C-alpha atoms as a PDB file:
ATOM      1  CA  MET A   1     129.178 110.598  94.519  1.00  0.00           C
ATOM      2  CA  LYS A   2     130.917 108.697  97.731  1.00  0.00           C
ATOM      3  CA  ASN A   3     134.003 107.413  95.586  1.00  0.00           C
ATOM      4  CA  ASN A   4     135.487 107.898  92.378  1.00  0.00           C
ATOM      5  CA  LYS A   5     135.230 104.573  91.268  1.00  0.00           C
ATOM      6  CA  ILE A   6     133.795 101.152  93.084  1.00  0.00           C
ATOM      7  CA  ALA A   7     136.054  98.531  93.518  1.00  0.00           C
ATOM      8  CA  LEU A   8     137.361  95.787  90.553  1.00  0.00           C
ATOM      9  CA  LEU A   9     136.104  92.227  92.609  1.00  0.00           C
ATOM     10  CA  PRO A  10     132.199  93.337  92.565  1.00  0.00           C
ATOM     11  CA  GLY A  11     132.720  94.034  88.862  1.00  0.00           C
ATOM     12  CA  LEU A  12     133.963  90.797  87.597  1.00  0.00           C
ATOM     13  CA  SER A  13     131.674  88.726  90.529  1.00  0.00           C
ATOM     14  CA  LEU A  14     129.114  89.880  87.645  1.00  0.00           C
ATOM     15  CA  PHE A  15     131.282  88.419  84.666  1.00  0.00           C
ATOM     16  CA  LEU A  16     132.289  85.124  86.655  1.00  0.00           C
ATOM     17  CA  CYS A  17     127.977  85.064  86.943  1.00  0.00           C
ATOM     18  CA  PHE A  18     126.830  85.297  83.189  1.00  0.00           C
ATOM     19  CA  CYS A  19     129.688  82.626  82.681  1.00  0.00           C
ATOM     20  CA  LEU A  20     128.930  80.371  84.684  1.00  0.00           C
ATOM     21  CA  LEU A  21     125.138  80.709  84.426  1.00  0.00           C
ATOM     22  CA  THR A  22     125.808  80.211  80.446  1.00  0.00           C
ATOM     23  CA  GLY A  23     128.119  77.165  81.170  1.00  0.00           C
ATOM     24  CA  THR A  24     126.761  75.659  83.687  1.00  0.00           C
ATOM     25  CA  GLY A  25     123.195  75.832  82.317  1.00  0.00           C
ATOM     26  CA  ARG A  26     124.425  74.120  79.249  1.00  0.00           C
ATOM     27  CA  LEU A  27     126.280  71.375  80.965  1.00  0.00           C
ATOM     28  CA  ALA A  28     122.699  70.981  83.232  1.00  0.00           C
ATOM     29  CA  HIS A  29     120.933  70.422  80.043  1.00  0.00           C
ATOM     30  CA  ARG A  30     123.009  68.169  78.059  1.00  0.00           C
ATOM     31  CA  TRP A  31     123.703  65.873  81.210  1.00  0.00           C
ATOM     32  CA  GLY A  32     119.829  65.660  81.308  1.00  0.00           C
ATOM     33  CA  GLY A  33     118.555  68.053  83.246  1.00  0.00           C
ATOM     34  CA  GLY A  34     117.049  67.497  86.643  1.00  0.00           C
ATOM     35  CA  ALA A  35     116.557  68.802  90.161  1.00  0.00           C
ATOM     36  CA  TRP A  36     119.983  68.244  91.323  1.00  0.00           C
ATOM     37  CA  LEU A  37     121.573  69.897  87.935  1.00  0.00           C
ATOM     38  CA  LEU A  38     119.582  72.426  87.490  1.00  0.00           C
ATOM     39  CA  GLY A  39     119.632  73.257  91.991  1.00  0.00           C
ATOM     40  CA  LEU A  40     123.356  73.088  91.645  1.00  0.00           C
ATOM     41  CA  ALA A  41     123.918  75.100  88.410  1.00  0.00           C
ATOM     42  CA  GLU A  42     122.110  77.941  90.106  1.00  0.00           C
ATOM     43  CA  PHE A  43     123.621  77.792  93.081  1.00  0.00           C
ATOM     44  CA  LEU A  44     126.927  77.816  91.543  1.00  0.00           C
ATOM     45  CA  SER A  45     126.094  80.516  89.312  1.00  0.00           C
ATOM     46  CA  PHE A  46     125.376  82.811  92.297  1.00  0.00           C
ATOM     47  CA  ALA A  47     127.067  81.069  95.167  1.00  0.00           C
ATOM     48  CA  LEU A  48     130.534  82.082  93.773  1.00  0.00           C
ATOM     49  CA  PRO A  49     129.990  85.543  93.024  1.00  0.00           C
ATOM     50  CA  LEU A  50     128.329  86.213  96.423  1.00  0.00           C
ATOM     51  CA  ALA A  51     131.320  85.074  98.143  1.00  0.00           C
ATOM     52  CA  VAL A  52     134.140  87.342  95.882  1.00  0.00           C
ATOM     53  CA  VAL A  53     131.781  90.592  96.895  1.00  0.00           C
ATOM     54  CA  VAL A  54     131.615  89.248 100.734  1.00  0.00           C
ATOM     55  CA  TYR A  55     135.208  88.875 100.456  1.00  0.00           C
ATOM     56  CA  SER A  56     135.575  92.524  98.256  1.00  0.00           C
ATOM     57  CA  MET A  57     134.101  94.037 101.260  1.00  0.00           C
ATOM     58  CA  ARG A  58     136.323  96.122 103.841  1.00  0.00           C
ATOM     59  CA  ASP A  59     132.648  95.752 106.210  1.00  0.00           C
ATOM     60  CA  GLN A  60     130.343  93.550 106.694  1.00  0.00           C
ATOM     61  CA  LYS A  61     128.548  95.634 109.497  1.00  0.00           C
ATOM     62  CA  GLN A  62     125.451  96.719 106.670  1.00  0.00           C
ATOM     63  CA  LEU A  63     125.158  93.044 104.968  1.00  0.00           C
ATOM     64  CA  ARG A  64     124.752  91.280 108.513  1.00  0.00           C
ATOM     65  CA  ALA A  65     121.688  94.105 109.108  1.00  0.00           C
ATOM     66  CA  ARG A  66     120.637  92.992 105.535  1.00  0.00           C
ATOM     67  CA  LEU A  67     120.401  89.688 105.644  1.00  0.00           C
ATOM     68  CA  LYS A  68     118.978  89.867 109.721  1.00  0.00           C
ATOM     69  CA  LEU A  69     115.745  88.038 109.874  1.00  0.00           C
ATOM     70  CA  ARG A  70     113.097  91.233 111.187  1.00  0.00           C
ATOM     71  CA  ARG A  71     109.585  91.837 111.679  1.00  0.00           C
ATOM     72  CA  LEU A  72     108.655  94.756 108.732  1.00  0.00           C
ATOM     73  CA  PRO A  73     107.151  97.805 109.687  1.00  0.00           C
ATOM     74  CA  LYS A  74     102.747  97.514 109.463  1.00  0.00           C
ATOM     75  CA  GLY A  75     102.101  97.377 105.504  1.00  0.00           C
ATOM     76  CA  MET A  76     105.284  96.366 104.056  1.00  0.00           C
ATOM     77  CA  LEU A  77     104.570  92.747 103.544  1.00  0.00           C
ATOM     78  CA  GLY A  78     101.228  93.139 101.868  1.00  0.00           C
ATOM     79  CA  LEU A  79     103.144  95.554  99.543  1.00  0.00           C
ATOM     80  CA  THR A  80     105.892  93.069  99.238  1.00  0.00           C
ATOM     81  CA  VAL A  81     103.436  90.661  97.917  1.00  0.00           C
ATOM     82  CA  LYS A  82     101.632  92.873  96.131  1.00  0.00           C
ATOM     83  CA  LEU A  83     104.447  94.389  94.090  1.00  0.00           C
ATOM     84  CA  GLY A  84     105.793  90.475  93.581  1.00  0.00           C
ATOM     85  CA  VAL A  85     102.496  89.743  91.445  1.00  0.00           C
ATOM     86  CA  SER A  86     102.471  93.405  89.784  1.00  0.00           C
ATOM     87  CA  VAL A  87     106.555  92.750  88.945  1.00  0.00           C
ATOM     88  CA  ALA A  88     105.588  89.115  87.313  1.00  0.00           C
ATOM     89  CA  VAL A  89     102.278  89.801  85.608  1.00  0.00           C
ATOM     90  CA  LEU A  90     103.836  93.050  84.045  1.00  0.00           C
ATOM     91  CA  SER A  91     107.526  91.604  82.883  1.00  0.00           C
ATOM     92  CA  LEU A  92     104.816  88.659  81.360  1.00  0.00           C
ATOM     93  CA  PHE A  93     102.905  91.623  79.550  1.00  0.00           C
ATOM     94  CA  LEU A  94     106.189  92.885  78.429  1.00  0.00           C
ATOM     95  CA  ASN A  95     107.796  90.040  77.257  1.00  0.00           C
ATOM     96  CA  LEU A  96     104.414  89.212  75.450  1.00  0.00           C
ATOM     97  CA  MET A  97     104.504  92.960  73.779  1.00  0.00           C
ATOM     98  CA  VAL A  98     108.139  92.246  72.806  1.00  0.00           C
ATOM     99  CA  TYR A  99     107.569  89.018  71.144  1.00  0.00           C
ATOM    100  CA  HIS A 100     104.104  90.110  69.047  1.00  0.00           C
ATOM    101  CA  LEU A 101     105.830  93.230  67.741  1.00  0.00           C
ATOM    102  CA  ALA A 102     108.923  90.397  66.741  1.00  0.00           C
ATOM    103  CA  GLY A 103     106.841  88.816  64.986  1.00  0.00           C
ATOM    104  CA  MET A 104     105.939  85.733  67.062  1.00  0.00           C
ATOM    105  CA  VAL A 105     103.322  84.412  68.729  1.00  0.00           C
ATOM    106  CA  GLY A 106     100.836  81.822  69.800  1.00  0.00           C
ATOM    107  CA  ALA A 107     102.846  78.379  69.882  1.00  0.00           C
ATOM    108  CA  ASP A 108     106.416  80.244  70.615  1.00  0.00           C
ATOM    109  CA  LEU A 109     104.981  82.397  73.323  1.00  0.00           C
ATOM    110  CA  SER A 110     104.755  78.982  75.368  1.00  0.00           C
ATOM    111  CA  ALA A 111     108.022  78.325  74.980  1.00  0.00           C
ATOM    112  CA  THR A 112     110.007  81.424  74.883  1.00  0.00           C
ATOM    113  CA  ALA A 113     108.289  84.702  76.628  1.00  0.00           C
ATOM    114  CA  LEU A 114     108.070  82.717  79.621  1.00  0.00           C
ATOM    115  CA  ASP A 115     111.703  82.822  81.948  1.00  0.00           C
ATOM    116  CA  ALA A 116     111.108  79.317  83.094  1.00  0.00           C
ATOM    117  CA  PRO A 117     112.230  75.587  82.804  1.00  0.00           C
ATOM    118  CA  GLN A 118     110.617  73.163  80.134  1.00  0.00           C
ATOM    119  CA  SER A 119     112.911  70.331  81.685  1.00  0.00           C
ATOM    120  CA  GLY A 120     110.166  67.648  82.989  1.00  0.00           C
ATOM    121  CA  LEU A 121     110.778  68.269  86.193  1.00  0.00           C
ATOM    122  CA  SER A 122     108.127  67.159  88.835  1.00  0.00           C
ATOM    123  CA  LEU A 123     106.115  70.041  90.365  1.00  0.00           C
ATOM    124  CA  ALA A 124     107.336  69.882  93.673  1.00  0.00           C
ATOM    125  CA  ALA A 125     111.254  70.293  91.968  1.00  0.00           C
ATOM    126  CA  ARG A 126     110.218  73.315  90.426  1.00  0.00           C
ATOM    127  CA  PHE A 127     108.480  75.057  92.873  1.00  0.00           C
ATOM    128  CA  ALA A 128     112.138  73.967  95.311  1.00  0.00           C
ATOM    129  CA  VAL A 129     114.422  74.945  92.370  1.00  0.00           C
ATOM    130  CA  VAL A 130     112.967  77.485  90.165  1.00  0.00           C
ATOM    131  CA  VAL A 131     110.581  79.495  93.103  1.00  0.00           C
ATOM    132  CA  VAL A 132     112.586  78.914  96.356  1.00  0.00           C
ATOM    133  CA  LEU A 133     116.644  78.176  94.929  1.00  0.00           C
ATOM    134  CA  SER A 134     116.222  80.997  92.534  1.00  0.00           C
ATOM    135  CA  ALA A 135     114.886  83.423  94.683  1.00  0.00           C
ATOM    136  CA  VAL A 136     117.048  83.413  97.618  1.00  0.00           C
ATOM    137  CA  ILE A 137     119.991  82.839  96.216  1.00  0.00           C
ATOM    138  CA  GLU A 138     119.530  85.371  93.245  1.00  0.00           C
ATOM    139  CA  GLU A 139     118.705  88.255  95.738  1.00  0.00           C
ATOM    140  CA  LEU A 140     121.086  87.562  98.173  1.00  0.00           C
ATOM    141  CA  TYR A 141     123.936  88.159  95.283  1.00  0.00           C
ATOM    142  CA  LEU A 142     122.785  91.081  93.420  1.00  0.00           C
ATOM    143  CA  ARG A 143     120.140  92.685  96.143  1.00  0.00           C
ATOM    144  CA  GLY A 144     121.616  91.321  99.548  1.00  0.00           C
ATOM    145  CA  ALA A 145     125.326  92.353  98.452  1.00  0.00           C
ATOM    146  CA  LEU A 146     126.062  93.691  95.016  1.00  0.00           C
ATOM    147  CA  LEU A 147     123.502  96.780  96.012  1.00  0.00           C
ATOM    148  CA  ILE A 148     125.383  97.514  98.897  1.00  0.00           C
ATOM    149  CA  VAL A 149     128.889  97.905  97.033  1.00  0.00           C
ATOM    150  CA  HIS A 150     126.720 100.206  94.395  1.00  0.00           C
ATOM    151  CA  GLU A 151     124.887 101.761  97.088  1.00  0.00           C
ATOM    152  CA  GLU A 152     128.548 102.767  99.333  1.00  0.00           C
ATOM    153  CA  ALA A 153     129.876 104.058  96.091  1.00  0.00           C
ATOM    154  CA  ALA A 154     126.284 106.419  94.175  1.00  0.00           C
ATOM    155  CA  GLY A 155     123.015 107.739  95.255  1.00  0.00           C
ATOM    156  CA  THR A 156     119.851 105.861  95.252  1.00  0.00           C
ATOM    157  CA  MET A 157     118.196 106.095  91.901  1.00  0.00           C
ATOM    158  CA  PRO A 158     121.741 105.110  89.492  1.00  0.00           C
ATOM    159  CA  CYS A 159     121.896 102.087  92.153  1.00  0.00           C
ATOM    160  CA  LEU A 160     117.947 100.939  91.152  1.00  0.00           C
ATOM    161  CA  VAL A 161     118.568 101.175  87.864  1.00  0.00           C
ATOM    162  CA  LEU A 162     122.170  99.282  87.354  1.00  0.00           C
ATOM    163  CA  SER A 163     120.246  96.618  89.873  1.00  0.00           C
ATOM    164  CA  GLY A 164     117.741  95.933  86.783  1.00  0.00           C
ATOM    165  CA  LEU A 165     120.371  96.968  83.944  1.00  0.00           C
ATOM    166  CA  VAL A 166     122.153  93.463  85.742  1.00  0.00           C
ATOM    167  CA  PHE A 167     119.284  91.155  85.993  1.00  0.00           C
ATOM    168  CA  ALA A 168     118.678  91.814  82.979  1.00  0.00           C
ATOM    169  CA  LEU A 169     121.427  91.260  81.349  1.00  0.00           C
ATOM    170  CA  LEU A 170     121.759  88.181  83.061  1.00  0.00           C
ATOM    171  CA  HIS A 171     119.104  87.111  81.716  1.00  0.00           C
ATOM    172  CA  GLY A 172     121.123  86.988  78.162  1.00  0.00           C
ATOM    173  CA  SER A 173     118.461  88.106  75.861  1.00  0.00           C
ATOM    174  CA  LEU A 174     117.207  91.217  74.296  1.00  0.00           C
ATOM    175  CA  LEU A 175     113.610  89.373  73.735  1.00  0.00           C
ATOM    176  CA  ASN A 176     113.928  88.761  77.322  1.00  0.00           C
ATOM    177  CA  PHE A 177     115.343  92.177  78.407  1.00  0.00           C
ATOM    178  CA  ALA A 178     112.126  94.520  79.315  1.00  0.00           C
ATOM    179  CA  GLY A 179     110.605  92.097  82.274  1.00  0.00           C
ATOM    180  CA  PRO A 180     113.878  91.897  84.033  1.00  0.00           C
ATOM    181  CA  PHE A 181     114.686  94.853  84.189  1.00  0.00           C
ATOM    182  CA  VAL A 182     111.566  96.248  86.005  1.00  0.00           C
ATOM    183  CA  ALA A 183     111.554  93.244  87.962  1.00  0.00           C
ATOM    184  CA  GLY A 184     115.368  94.018  89.133  1.00  0.00           C
ATOM    185  CA  VAL A 185     114.278  97.413  89.994  1.00  0.00           C
ATOM    186  CA  ALA A 186     111.369  96.253  91.920  1.00  0.00           C
ATOM    187  CA  TYR A 187     113.226  94.261  93.874  1.00  0.00           C
ATOM    188  CA  ALA A 188     115.832  96.479  94.165  1.00  0.00           C
ATOM    189  CA  TYR A 189     113.785  99.070  95.697  1.00  0.00           C
ATOM    190  CA  LEU A 190     112.187  96.592  98.342  1.00  0.00           C
ATOM    191  CA  THR A 191     115.665  95.900  99.107  1.00  0.00           C
ATOM    192  CA  PHE A 192     116.289  99.718  99.891  1.00  0.00           C
ATOM    193  CA  VAL A 193     112.792 100.641 101.780  1.00  0.00           C
ATOM    194  CA  SER A 194     112.573  98.121 104.233  1.00  0.00           C
ATOM    195  CA  GLY A 195     116.455  97.449 104.588  1.00  0.00           C
ATOM    196  CA  SER A 196     116.138  93.691 104.261  1.00  0.00           C
ATOM    197  CA  VAL A 197     116.716  91.756 101.185  1.00  0.00           C
ATOM    198  CA  TRP A 198     113.707  89.278 102.099  1.00  0.00           C
ATOM    199  CA  PRO A 199     111.185  91.278 100.564  1.00  0.00           C
ATOM    200  CA  ALA A 200     113.072  91.203  97.368  1.00  0.00           C
ATOM    201  CA  VAL A 201     113.287  87.592  98.158  1.00  0.00           C
ATOM    202  CA  LEU A 202     109.617  87.106  98.707  1.00  0.00           C
ATOM    203  CA  ALA A 203     108.903  89.104  96.141  1.00  0.00           C
ATOM    204  CA  HIS A 204     111.153  87.526  93.524  1.00  0.00           C
ATOM    205  CA  GLY A 205     109.818  83.551  94.434  1.00  0.00           C
ATOM    206  CA  VAL A 206     105.749  85.574  93.959  1.00  0.00           C
ATOM    207  CA  ASN A 207     107.281  86.530  90.670  1.00  0.00           C
ATOM    208  CA  ASN A 208     108.796  82.959  89.371  1.00  0.00           C
ATOM    209  CA  LEU A 209     105.624  80.846  91.320  1.00  0.00           C
ATOM    210  CA  TYR A 210     103.342  83.193  88.883  1.00  0.00           C
ATOM    211  CA  TYR A 211     105.374  82.424  86.374  1.00  0.00           C
ATOM    212  CA  LEU A 212     105.016  78.573  87.136  1.00  0.00           C
ATOM    213  CA  PHE A 213     101.496  78.686  86.881  1.00  0.00           C
ATOM    214  CA  VAL A 214     101.211  80.368  83.875  1.00  0.00           C
ATOM    215  CA  VAL A 215     103.250  77.454  82.313  1.00  0.00           C
ATOM    216  CA  TRP A 216     100.824  75.121  84.128  1.00  0.00           C
ATOM    217  CA  VAL A 217      97.496  77.374  82.257  1.00  0.00           C
ATOM    218  CA  THR A 218      99.147  77.442  78.878  1.00  0.00           C
ATOM    219  CA  ASP A 219     100.518  73.583  78.862  1.00  0.00           C
ATOM    220  CA  THR A 220      97.282  72.375  80.191  1.00  0.00           C
ATOM    221  CA  TYR A 221      94.991  74.606  77.687  1.00  0.00           C
ATOM    222  CA  ALA A 222      96.845  74.865  74.755  1.00  0.00           C
ATOM    223  CA  ALA A 223      94.906  72.499  73.009  1.00  0.00           C
ATOM    224  CA  PHE A 224      92.152  74.930  73.463  1.00  0.00           C
ATOM    225  CA  GLY A 225      93.848  78.318  71.942  1.00  0.00           C
ATOM    226  CA  ILE A 226      94.856  79.435  75.422  1.00  0.00           C
ATOM    227  CA  TRP A 227      97.386  82.492  73.774  1.00  0.00           C
ATOM    228  CA  ASN A 228      94.166  83.870  72.217  1.00  0.00           C
ATOM    229  CA  TYR A 229      92.846  85.362  75.323  1.00  0.00           C
ATOM    230  CA  PHE A 230      95.562  85.104  78.101  1.00  0.00           C
ATOM    231  CA  ALA A 231      97.522  88.707  76.755  1.00  0.00           C
ATOM    232  CA  ALA A 232      93.760  90.663  77.249  1.00  0.00           C
ATOM    233  CA  ILE A 233      93.125  88.171  80.969  1.00  0.00           C
ATOM    234  CA  ASN A 234      96.964  89.266  81.883  1.00  0.00           C
ATOM    235  CA  ALA A 235      96.685  93.265  81.207  1.00  0.00           C
ATOM    236  CA  LEU A 236      93.837  92.901  83.464  1.00  0.00           C
ATOM    237  CA  ALA A 237      95.654  91.610  85.918  1.00  0.00           C
ATOM    238  CA  MET A 238      98.252  93.857  85.695  1.00  0.00           C
ATOM    239  CA  LEU A 239      96.318  96.881  85.754  1.00  0.00           C
ATOM    240  CA  LEU A 240      94.169  95.394  89.725  1.00  0.00           C
ATOM    241  CA  SER A 241      97.868  94.491  90.712  1.00  0.00           C
ATOM    242  CA  LEU A 242      99.474  97.640  89.711  1.00  0.00           C
ATOM    243  CA  TYR A 243      96.714  99.648  91.176  1.00  0.00           C
ATOM    244  CA  LEU A 244      96.833  97.058  94.652  1.00  0.00           C
ATOM    245  CA  THR A 245     100.139  97.980  94.698  1.00  0.00           C
ATOM    246  CA  LEU A 246     100.395 101.605  94.505  1.00  0.00           C
ATOM    247  CA  ARG A 247      97.349 101.911  97.544  1.00  0.00           C
ATOM    248  CA  SER A 248      99.546 100.084  99.343  1.00  0.00           C
ATOM    249  CA  LEU A 249     102.965 102.368  98.501  1.00  0.00           C
ATOM    250  CA  GLU A 250     101.019 105.315  99.137  1.00  0.00           C
ATOM    251  CA  GLY A 251      99.820 104.216 102.149  1.00  0.00           C
ATOM    252  CA  LEU A 252     103.617 103.999 103.567  1.00  0.00           C
ATOM    253  CA  LEU A 253     104.702 107.013 101.992  1.00  0.00           C
ATOM    254  CA  ALA A 254     101.855 108.907 103.883  1.00  0.00           C
ATOM    255  CA  ARG A 255     102.613 107.310 107.335  1.00  0.00           C
ATOM    256  CA  ASP A 256     106.706 108.255 106.829  1.00  0.00           C
ATOM    257  CA  VAL A 257     107.918 104.671 107.337  1.00  0.00           C
ATOM    258  CA  ILE A 258     109.961 104.698 103.501  1.00  0.00           C
ATOM    259  CA  PRO A 259     112.918 106.260 103.816  1.00  0.00           C
ATOM    260  CA  HIS A 260     113.565 109.021 101.117  1.00  0.00           C
ATOM    261  CA  PHE A 261     116.613 108.538  98.680  1.00  0.00           C
ATOM    262  CA  GLU A 262     120.039 109.214  98.847  1.00  0.00           C
ATOM    263  CA  LYS A 263     121.260 112.324  96.199  1.00  0.00           C
ATOM    264  CA  SER A 264     122.551 111.320  93.520  1.00  0.00           C
ATOM    265  CA  ALA A 265     124.686 112.741  90.310  1.00  0.00           C
ATOM    266  CA  GLY A 266     122.195 111.183  88.339  1.00  0.00           C
ATOM    267  CA  LEU A 267     123.419 109.848  85.005  1.00  0.00           C
ATOM    268  CA  TYR A 268     126.750 110.574  85.861  1.00  0.00           C
ATOM    269  CA  ASP A 269     126.578 108.106  89.324  1.00  0.00           C
ATOM    270  CA  LEU A 270     124.979 105.707  87.072  1.00  0.00           C
ATOM    271  CA  TRP A 271     128.284 106.025  84.072  1.00  0.00           C
ATOM    272  CA  LEU A 272     130.731 105.658  87.066  1.00  0.00           C
ATOM    273  CA  LEU A 273     129.442 102.448  88.381  1.00  0.00           C
ATOM    274  CA  ILE A 274     129.230 101.179  84.386  1.00  0.00           C
ATOM    275  CA  ARG A 275     132.950 102.347  83.845  1.00  0.00           C
ATOM    276  CA  ASN A 276     134.307  99.652  85.839  1.00  0.00           C
ATOM    277  CA  PRO A 277     136.021  97.343  83.936  1.00  0.00           C
ATOM    278  CA  GLY A 278     134.509  94.051  85.465  1.00  0.00           C
ATOM    279  CA  MET A 279     130.864  95.531  84.598  1.00  0.00           C
ATOM    280  CA  LEU A 280     132.364  96.399  81.595  1.00  0.00           C
ATOM    281  CA  ALA A 281     133.258  93.012  80.812  1.00  0.00           C
ATOM    282  CA  PHE A 282     130.714  91.510  81.882  1.00  0.00           C
ATOM    283  CA  VAL A 283     128.675  93.822  79.022  1.00  0.00           C
ATOM    284  CA  LEU A 284     130.640  92.597  76.490  1.00  0.00           C
ATOM    285  CA  ALA A 285     129.928  88.718  77.465  1.00  0.00           C
ATOM    286  CA  PHE A 286     126.678  89.840  76.919  1.00  0.00           C
ATOM    287  CA  ALA A 287     127.417  91.235  73.626  1.00  0.00           C
ATOM    288  CA  ALA A 288     129.034  88.334  72.584  1.00  0.00           C
ATOM    289  CA  LYS A 289     126.528  85.557  73.311  1.00  0.00           C
ATOM    290  CA  LEU A 290     123.753  87.347  71.650  1.00  0.00           C
ATOM    291  CA  ILE A 291     126.504  87.617  68.416  1.00  0.00           C
ATOM    292  CA  VAL A 292     127.100  83.566  68.775  1.00  0.00           C
ATOM    293  CA  ASN A 293     123.780  83.441  69.608  1.00  0.00           C
ATOM    294  CA  ARG A 294     122.136  84.897  66.328  1.00  0.00           C
ATOM    295  CA  MET A 295     125.449  82.732  64.263  1.00  0.00           C
ATOM    296  CA  LEU A 296     124.420  79.635  64.899  1.00  0.00           C
END
């Protein structure tokens, strides 16, 4: 551990982000939704916490380097796209498993297992808000700025795990926890190995695009019982995409393109990151939301 603790502001930014996501999301839906409202809610929920983290940084050189557009090493773009697809199908597969274990089947899945707006937006609006805006603003905050702060305080592995936990908690549901956790770890790993946040943005966008495609397919063919076959189809796609991703990763490792992890104290470093007062407030807010939702 490089420092015994991280600054308070980055942790509090997560609490702010969670509160903004919950509040602005409800206001947007209460006011009728629409691309502009949903887009504004998404932007404010992550842009303001991003500003808090940037303000807390004593040196922003690493942030500027991570945001700079650069030519990726050969094979990195292919890994990014394949990993984005793998994360999408794996996340959905995990959500499907959780919902089946919870006793929710069929039509329930089309509205809840897919973490995508069902607000009647046009295809262009969904693409702009869900695929482009959310991928860019979320990654700039979570992997562009927040990950840098955590990397300065701990080794690589605790930062990757924490990034997954944070991303899962921000989704605000235990039923939709496993998929976002995997996605958060994957996007943080992409950022680490590439030294840039833009591969994570691309992979995140691919993930969201896949979800929109699944929403369209299930909405269009729900009357034909698509959910009876979709889990098996998704599982096959998951196995194929994971195989292709691992092959690409193997090639990059063989060429020594991917940097080595920074050593850490393991769970101890992870605990030192989590015990930040702002982080604890964020976790308590998540727990409070679960309790309130259960009571309603």
